[in-house]
Structures are given as C-alpha cells and as structure tokens.
C-alpha cells in the first residue's frame, strides 16, 4: 500500500516536469525503496508482537498466579487473551450451527 501510494504521488509529481525525459525510473526506484522501508518497519513491529506473545506463553507456563508465583503480564493483556479465546469458541459454535443448519436444509430439500 505504501509503495503504491508512493508510486502514484511520484507519477503526479514528475509527469509534468519538462526536465525529465523518463519519469518512470525515479518513480519505480522510489516505490521499491518505499516498499523496503515499509516492509522493514512492519517486520520489526511483527517481531515485537510475537515477542510479547511468547513472553505471555512463558509466563502462563512458569507461573500460576498464586502468591510467590504471580503473573508478570499485565491485567489488560490477560483479559484480552481470555476474551480472544472466548470469541474463538463462539465463532466455532456459530460455524458448527451454520453447518448443522445447512445439512438440515439439504436433507429437507430432498
């Protein structure tokens, strides 16, 4: 997305420049550079998120919340993960109900 926007902006900025004979090469180079920078930024962001989840999993494995073995994770992170688990369970139930309704609909049509 960042590379596409950079390419579009570069095109509109350079297409009317009388000094440039070939505007496509600078726009292409700028787009490739923008893609590389955006990819690097999001890769670092992804590594940070993965690290937080690995630390969460280790904290769940090592500690159990009792005195002397308290969780190091924040309460917000714990609630978010618990809510995500409940949301996944509800999604699976809904999909199972939809499959059952589809099966019932097919067998009723015969």
N, C-alpha and C. Protein backbone atom coordinates (compact mmCIF):
# COMPACT_ATOMS: atom_id res chain seq x y z
N UNK A 1 0.82 -1.18 0.00
CA UNK A 1 0.00 0.00 0.00
C UNK A 1 0.87 1.26 0.00
N UNK A 2 1.90 1.24 0.83
CA UNK A 2 2.81 2.39 0.90
C UNK A 2 3.52 2.58 -0.43
N UNK A 3 3.96 1.49 -1.04
CA UNK A 3 4.67 1.58 -2.32
C UNK A 3 3.74 2.08 -3.42
N UNK A 4 2.49 1.64 -3.39
CA UNK A 4 1.53 2.08 -4.41
C UNK A 4 1.25 3.57 -4.27
N UNK A 5 1.04 4.03 -3.05
CA UNK A 5 0.78 5.46 -2.83
C UNK A 5 2.00 6.28 -3.23
N UNK A 6 3.20 5.78 -2.90
CA UNK A 6 4.42 6.48 -3.30
C UNK A 6 4.53 6.55 -4.81
N UNK A 7 4.21 5.46 -5.49
CA UNK A 7 4.26 5.45 -6.95
C UNK A 7 3.27 6.42 -7.57
N UNK A 8 2.06 6.46 -7.04
CA UNK A 8 1.03 7.38 -7.57
C UNK A 8 1.44 8.83 -7.34
N UNK A 9 1.88 9.13 -6.12
CA UNK A 9 2.32 10.50 -5.85
C UNK A 9 3.52 10.88 -6.70
N UNK A 10 4.47 9.96 -6.86
CA UNK A 10 5.64 10.24 -7.69
C UNK A 10 5.26 10.48 -9.14
N UNK A 11 4.29 9.71 -9.63
CA UNK A 11 3.83 9.88 -11.01
C UNK A 11 3.25 11.28 -11.21
N UNK A 12 2.36 11.70 -10.30
CA UNK A 12 1.73 13.01 -10.45
C UNK A 12 2.72 14.15 -10.25
N UNK A 13 3.75 13.93 -9.44
CA UNK A 13 4.74 14.98 -9.23
C UNK A 13 5.69 15.12 -10.41
N UNK A 14 6.00 14.01 -11.09
CA UNK A 14 7.04 14.05 -12.14
C UNK A 14 6.51 14.04 -13.56
N UNK A 15 5.24 13.77 -13.77
CA UNK A 15 4.76 13.64 -15.15
C UNK A 15 4.78 14.95 -15.92
N UNK A 16 4.66 16.07 -15.23
CA UNK A 16 4.65 17.37 -15.91
C UNK A 16 5.98 18.10 -15.85
N UNK A 17 7.02 17.44 -15.34
CA UNK A 17 8.34 18.06 -15.25
C UNK A 17 9.00 18.00 -16.63
N UNK A 18 9.26 19.16 -17.20
CA UNK A 18 9.82 19.23 -18.55
C UNK A 18 11.27 18.79 -18.60
N UNK A 19 11.98 18.87 -17.49
CA UNK A 19 13.39 18.49 -17.46
C UNK A 19 13.59 16.98 -17.47
N UNK A 20 12.59 16.23 -17.08
CA UNK A 20 12.70 14.77 -17.04
C UNK A 20 12.22 14.16 -18.35
N UNK A 21 13.05 13.31 -18.92
CA UNK A 21 12.63 12.60 -20.12
C UNK A 21 11.97 11.27 -19.75
N UNK A 22 12.48 10.63 -18.71
CA UNK A 22 11.96 9.34 -18.27
C UNK A 22 11.56 9.46 -16.79
N UNK A 23 10.29 9.64 -16.54
CA UNK A 23 9.82 9.78 -15.16
C UNK A 23 9.60 8.42 -14.48
N UNK A 24 9.50 7.36 -15.26
CA UNK A 24 9.16 6.06 -14.69
C UNK A 24 10.28 5.48 -13.83
N UNK A 25 11.53 5.70 -14.22
CA UNK A 25 12.64 5.12 -13.47
C UNK A 25 12.74 5.70 -12.06
N UNK A 26 12.70 7.02 -11.87
CA UNK A 26 12.75 7.54 -10.50
C UNK A 26 11.53 7.11 -9.66
N UNK A 27 10.37 7.05 -10.29
CA UNK A 27 9.16 6.63 -9.57
C UNK A 27 9.29 5.17 -9.16
N UNK A 28 9.80 4.34 -10.04
CA UNK A 28 9.98 2.93 -9.73
C UNK A 28 11.00 2.74 -8.59
N UNK A 29 12.09 3.45 -8.65
CA UNK A 29 13.11 3.35 -7.59
C UNK A 29 12.54 3.83 -6.26
N UNK A 30 11.80 4.93 -6.27
CA UNK A 30 11.19 5.45 -5.03
C UNK A 30 10.17 4.45 -4.48
N UNK A 31 9.41 3.81 -5.36
CA UNK A 31 8.41 2.83 -4.92
C UNK A 31 9.08 1.61 -4.31
N UNK A 32 10.15 1.15 -4.92
CA UNK A 32 10.87 -0.01 -4.37
C UNK A 32 11.47 0.34 -3.02
N UNK A 33 12.04 1.51 -2.89
CA UNK A 33 12.60 1.95 -1.62
C UNK A 33 11.51 2.09 -0.56
N UNK A 34 10.34 2.64 -0.95
CA UNK A 34 9.23 2.78 0.00
C UNK A 34 8.74 1.41 0.46
N UNK A 35 8.68 0.45 -0.46
CA UNK A 35 8.29 -0.91 -0.08
C UNK A 35 9.28 -1.51 0.91
N UNK A 36 10.57 -1.33 0.65
CA UNK A 36 11.59 -1.89 1.53
C UNK A 36 11.51 -1.28 2.93
N UNK A 37 11.32 0.03 3.01
CA UNK A 37 11.22 0.69 4.31
C UNK A 37 9.97 0.24 5.05
N UNK A 38 8.83 0.18 4.35
CA UNK A 38 7.59 -0.24 4.99
C UNK A 38 7.67 -1.70 5.44
N UNK A 39 8.25 -2.55 4.62
CA UNK A 39 8.39 -3.96 4.97
C UNK A 39 9.27 -4.13 6.20
N UNK A 40 10.36 -3.38 6.27
CA UNK A 40 11.25 -3.44 7.42
C UNK A 40 10.53 -2.96 8.68
N UNK A 41 9.80 -1.87 8.57
CA UNK A 41 9.07 -1.34 9.72
C UNK A 41 8.06 -2.35 10.24
N UNK A 42 7.27 -2.93 9.34
CA UNK A 42 6.24 -3.88 9.78
C UNK A 42 6.85 -5.19 10.27
N UNK A 43 8.00 -5.56 9.76
CA UNK A 43 8.68 -6.76 10.26
C UNK A 43 9.14 -6.55 11.70
N UNK A 44 9.68 -5.40 12.00
CA UNK A 44 10.09 -5.10 13.37
C UNK A 44 8.87 -5.07 14.29
N UNK A 45 7.78 -4.49 13.82
CA UNK A 45 6.53 -4.44 14.59
C UNK A 45 6.02 -5.86 14.87
N UNK A 46 6.05 -6.71 13.85
CA UNK A 46 5.61 -8.09 13.99
C UNK A 46 6.48 -8.86 15.00
N UNK A 47 7.77 -8.63 14.96
CA UNK A 47 8.67 -9.29 15.91
C UNK A 47 8.34 -8.85 17.33
N UNK A 48 8.02 -7.58 17.52
CA UNK A 48 7.64 -7.10 18.84
C UNK A 48 6.37 -7.77 19.36
N UNK A 49 5.37 -7.90 18.50
CA UNK A 49 4.12 -8.56 18.88
C UNK A 49 4.38 -10.04 19.19
N UNK A 50 5.16 -10.71 18.35
CA UNK A 50 5.48 -12.12 18.60
C UNK A 50 6.21 -12.29 19.92
N UNK A 51 7.11 -11.37 20.23
CA UNK A 51 7.86 -11.45 21.49
C UNK A 51 6.92 -11.31 22.68
N UNK A 52 5.97 -10.41 22.58
CA UNK A 52 5.00 -10.24 23.67
C UNK A 52 4.21 -11.53 23.88
N UNK A 53 3.77 -12.17 22.79
CA UNK A 53 3.00 -13.41 22.93
C UNK A 53 3.85 -14.57 23.46
N UNK A 54 5.12 -14.63 23.07
CA UNK A 54 5.99 -15.68 23.59
C UNK A 54 6.21 -15.46 25.09
N UNK A 55 6.41 -14.22 25.50
CA UNK A 55 6.57 -13.93 26.92
C UNK A 55 5.29 -14.27 27.69
N UNK A 56 4.14 -13.98 27.09
CA UNK A 56 2.86 -14.34 27.70
C UNK A 56 2.77 -15.85 27.89
N UNK A 57 3.12 -16.62 26.87
CA UNK A 57 3.04 -18.07 26.95
C UNK A 57 4.00 -18.61 28.01
N UNK A 58 5.20 -18.07 28.08
CA UNK A 58 6.16 -18.49 29.10
C UNK A 58 5.65 -18.15 30.50
N UNK A 59 5.06 -16.97 30.64
CA UNK A 59 4.52 -16.57 31.94
C UNK A 59 3.39 -17.50 32.35
N UNK A 60 2.54 -17.89 31.41
CA UNK A 60 1.46 -18.85 31.70
C UNK A 60 2.02 -20.21 32.10
N UNK A 61 3.11 -20.61 31.47
CA UNK A 61 3.70 -21.92 31.74
C UNK A 61 4.41 -21.95 33.10
N UNK A 62 5.17 -20.92 33.40
CA UNK A 62 6.00 -20.91 34.60
C UNK A 62 5.20 -20.53 35.85
N UNK A 63 4.35 -19.53 35.73
CA UNK A 63 3.62 -19.00 36.89
C UNK A 63 2.17 -19.45 36.85
N UNK A 64 1.57 -19.51 38.06
CA UNK A 64 0.16 -19.91 38.12
C UNK A 64 -0.71 -18.89 38.84
N UNK A 65 -0.17 -17.75 39.22
CA UNK A 65 -0.96 -16.69 39.84
C UNK A 65 -1.06 -16.78 41.35
N UNK A 66 -0.49 -17.81 41.94
CA UNK A 66 -0.54 -17.93 43.40
C UNK A 66 0.54 -17.04 44.02
N UNK A 67 0.40 -16.73 45.32
CA UNK A 67 1.43 -15.90 45.96
C UNK A 67 2.80 -16.56 45.84
N UNK A 68 3.76 -15.78 45.43
CA UNK A 68 5.10 -16.29 45.20
C UNK A 68 5.33 -16.69 43.75
N UNK A 69 4.26 -16.95 43.01
CA UNK A 69 4.36 -17.29 41.59
C UNK A 69 3.34 -16.46 40.80
N UNK A 70 3.34 -15.15 41.05
CA UNK A 70 2.40 -14.25 40.41
C UNK A 70 2.74 -14.10 38.92
N UNK A 71 1.71 -13.78 38.17
CA UNK A 71 1.91 -13.49 36.74
C UNK A 71 2.63 -12.16 36.59
N UNK A 72 3.52 -12.08 35.60
CA UNK A 72 4.20 -10.82 35.29
C UNK A 72 3.47 -10.03 34.22
N UNK A 73 2.55 -10.67 33.52
CA UNK A 73 1.81 -9.98 32.46
C UNK A 73 0.84 -8.97 33.06
N UNK A 74 0.47 -7.99 32.26
CA UNK A 74 -0.49 -7.00 32.75
C UNK A 74 -1.89 -7.61 32.77
N UNK A 75 -2.74 -7.03 33.57
CA UNK A 75 -4.13 -7.49 33.66
C UNK A 75 -4.84 -7.30 32.33
N UNK A 76 -4.52 -6.20 31.64
CA UNK A 76 -5.16 -5.93 30.34
C UNK A 76 -4.82 -7.01 29.32
N UNK A 77 -3.55 -7.43 29.28
CA UNK A 77 -3.15 -8.47 28.35
C UNK A 77 -3.84 -9.78 28.68
N UNK A 78 -3.92 -10.10 29.96
CA UNK A 78 -4.58 -11.34 30.36
C UNK A 78 -6.06 -11.32 29.97
N UNK A 79 -6.73 -10.20 30.19
CA UNK A 79 -8.14 -10.09 29.82
C UNK A 79 -8.32 -10.16 28.31
N UNK A 80 -7.43 -9.52 27.57
CA UNK A 80 -7.54 -9.52 26.12
C UNK A 80 -7.40 -10.94 25.57
N UNK A 81 -6.43 -11.69 26.07
CA UNK A 81 -6.22 -13.06 25.60
C UNK A 81 -7.42 -13.93 25.99
N UNK A 82 -7.94 -13.76 27.21
CA UNK A 82 -9.11 -14.53 27.62
C UNK A 82 -10.33 -14.20 26.75
N UNK A 83 -10.52 -12.91 26.46
CA UNK A 83 -11.64 -12.51 25.60
C UNK A 83 -11.48 -13.04 24.18
N UNK A 84 -10.24 -13.09 23.71
CA UNK A 84 -9.98 -13.63 22.37
C UNK A 84 -10.32 -15.11 22.33
N UNK A 85 -9.97 -15.83 23.39
CA UNK A 85 -10.29 -17.26 23.46
C UNK A 85 -11.79 -17.49 23.46
N UNK A 86 -12.53 -16.67 24.21
CA UNK A 86 -13.98 -16.79 24.23
C UNK A 86 -14.57 -16.46 22.87
N UNK A 87 -14.04 -15.46 22.21
CA UNK A 87 -14.53 -15.09 20.89
C UNK A 87 -14.30 -16.22 19.89
N UNK A 88 -13.16 -16.90 19.97
CA UNK A 88 -12.88 -18.02 19.08
C UNK A 88 -13.84 -19.18 19.35
N UNK A 89 -14.13 -19.44 20.62
CA UNK A 89 -15.09 -20.50 20.96
C UNK A 89 -16.46 -20.18 20.39
N UNK A 90 -16.89 -18.93 20.54
CA UNK A 90 -18.20 -18.53 20.00
C UNK A 90 -18.22 -18.64 18.48
N UNK A 91 -17.14 -18.29 17.84
CA UNK A 91 -17.06 -18.39 16.38
C UNK A 91 -17.16 -19.84 15.93
N UNK A 92 -16.47 -20.73 16.63
CA UNK A 92 -16.55 -22.16 16.28
C UNK A 92 -17.96 -22.70 16.48
N UNK A 93 -18.63 -22.28 17.57
CA UNK A 93 -20.02 -22.72 17.81
C UNK A 93 -20.93 -22.23 16.69
N UNK A 94 -20.75 -20.97 16.29
CA UNK A 94 -21.58 -20.40 15.24
C UNK A 94 -21.38 -21.14 13.92
N UNK A 95 -20.12 -21.46 13.60
CA UNK A 95 -19.84 -22.20 12.37
C UNK A 95 -20.45 -23.59 12.41
N UNK A 96 -20.37 -24.25 13.58
CA UNK A 96 -20.96 -25.58 13.72
C UNK A 96 -22.48 -25.51 13.56
N UNK A 97 -23.11 -24.47 14.11
CA UNK A 97 -24.55 -24.31 13.96
C UNK A 97 -24.92 -24.05 12.50
N UNK A 98 -24.12 -23.26 11.81
CA UNK A 98 -24.39 -22.99 10.39
C UNK A 98 -24.27 -24.25 9.56
N UNK A 99 -23.26 -25.08 9.87
CA UNK A 99 -23.11 -26.34 9.15
C UNK A 99 -24.29 -27.26 9.41
N UNK A 100 -24.73 -27.31 10.68
CA UNK A 100 -25.87 -28.15 11.03
C UNK A 100 -27.13 -27.67 10.32
N UNK A 101 -27.34 -26.37 10.25
CA UNK A 101 -28.50 -25.81 9.56
C UNK A 101 -28.43 -26.08 8.07
N UNK A 102 -27.22 -25.99 7.50
CA UNK A 102 -27.06 -26.27 6.07
C UNK A 102 -27.35 -27.73 5.78
N UNK A 103 -26.90 -28.63 6.66
CA UNK A 103 -27.18 -30.06 6.48
C UNK A 103 -28.68 -30.33 6.60
N UNK A 104 -29.30 -29.69 7.58
CA UNK A 104 -30.74 -29.87 7.78
C UNK A 104 -31.51 -29.33 6.58
N UNK A 105 -31.05 -28.24 6.04
CA UNK A 105 -31.71 -27.66 4.85
C UNK A 105 -31.57 -28.55 3.63
N UNK A 106 -30.40 -29.18 3.46
CA UNK A 106 -30.19 -30.06 2.31
C UNK A 106 -31.00 -31.34 2.44
N UNK A 107 -31.05 -31.89 3.65
CA UNK A 107 -31.80 -33.14 3.83
C UNK A 107 -33.29 -32.87 3.75
N UNK A 108 -33.74 -31.67 4.09
CA UNK A 108 -35.17 -31.33 3.98
C UNK A 108 -35.59 -31.07 2.55
N UNK A 109 -34.65 -30.69 1.68
CA UNK A 109 -34.97 -30.40 0.27
C UNK A 109 -35.14 -31.65 -0.55
N UNK A 110 -34.61 -32.77 -0.09
CA UNK A 110 -34.62 -34.00 -0.88
C UNK A 110 -35.95 -34.61 -0.91
